Amino acid sequence: MNAIEFSQQKELKEVITDHIKTSAIYCFGKQETVYRSSRKIYPDKELQKEHSHLYLLVFVHETKENAGSDISDKINAKTQGSLTATVLIHHVQSLKDPCQDQQFFFWQIMQNAELLFQDINKPPYLNISETPKRNLNSTSHYIAWRNNNIATIWGWVYNDDDASSSDEVKMSALHQIVEQICLSLIRVFIGYTPNHFALEYLFNLCEYFTTITADFFPRQTREDKTIFKLLKQQPNTLRFSKTNDVDYLYYQVVEERCENFKNQAEILIQNEINRQNEVENEAEKTDKELV
C-alpha cells in the first residue's frame, strides 16, 4: 500500500480528532482510481482526476452515534471528493477482551498498517502474550448461524407464490439476506465482526478483499444506483411504505441478483475456509516435525 501523502494525513487527522476523542488512527488499505472529468465549455480539454478510498481503523476514548458515517462524510467534503473512507470505529476498551478472530484482526492492523496518529499519553494497547491466530472453529460456527438466518428468510421469499404478497416486505427480506452474506464474507476473509451494518458500509468493507459486491450490485449508472437504493433501505422503512413503493420490474432484478450473489458468495466462503484449514494443517504438521 502506498503511503498517504503528508497533506492528506494532516487533513484526515484533523477531521477525525476534531470530531471525536481519538487514541489512534491506522490506515490498513487504499484503493486508487483515475478518471476523466469533461468540460462542457472546452470539451477538448479533459481534466484527469485521482480518487483514493481509504480503509481506516480508529480507536477512540468515547462513543458517538454514527461517528463512522459522520467522519466519512467530513473526509469527503474536506477533500472535495478526492478522498473517501470506510471508517471502523472501536473504543479502546474493546481491545481488553476481544474474541480471538477480532484480536487477530486488530493485531494485524496495529502491527502492519500505516499509523497516522497516536495519542502519546493514552495509546491503544492490545494485551497479549503471543501472536494471535485465527479461530477457524469459531468462524465456522459464525457462518453456520448466518446461513441458518439466510435459509429461513430465503425459504419464505422464494417459496411464496401468493400474488398478493408485498414486494416491499420481500425487498426488506432480500436486504437481510445480503447483509448476512456480507457479514459472513467479512468474518471469513479478514476475521472482523463489524459493529456498523449499513449495507453500503458492508459493501465497501467487502470490496477491501473481493469484487463480488461490486460485480453483482454495481453502483455506477443511474439504474444501478436506483436498484441499490431500493436494496439498501433499512427494514424500518416498512413503517412508512405504501402499496407498490417498489417497482415490480426492479424487484425482479434485485431478486435475481441476490440469488446469484448468494450462490457465488457460498463458493467463495467455502473455498476460503478450505484454504485456511489447509494453511493451519500445514503449520501444525511443521510444528510437529520440529519437535
Foldseek 3Di string as FASTA:
>chain_A
DDDDDPVLLVQLVCLQVVLAAFAWKWWADKDKDKDWDADPVCRVDIDIAMAMETEMETEGQDDDPCSQVSSQVSSCVVVVNNYGYLYAYHYLVCLADPPLLAVLLVVCRVVDTHISDHDPVRHRDRDDDDRGDDDLVVLVVLLVVLVVLLVVLVCCLVVDPDPPDALLQNLQSLLSNLQSLLQSLLCLPRNDHGPDGQPVSSQVSSVRPDCLCCVLQPCDDPLSVVLVVSNRDHPVCVVVDDGCPDPPVSSVSSVVSSVVSVVVSVVVSVVSSVVVVVVVVVVVVVVVVVD
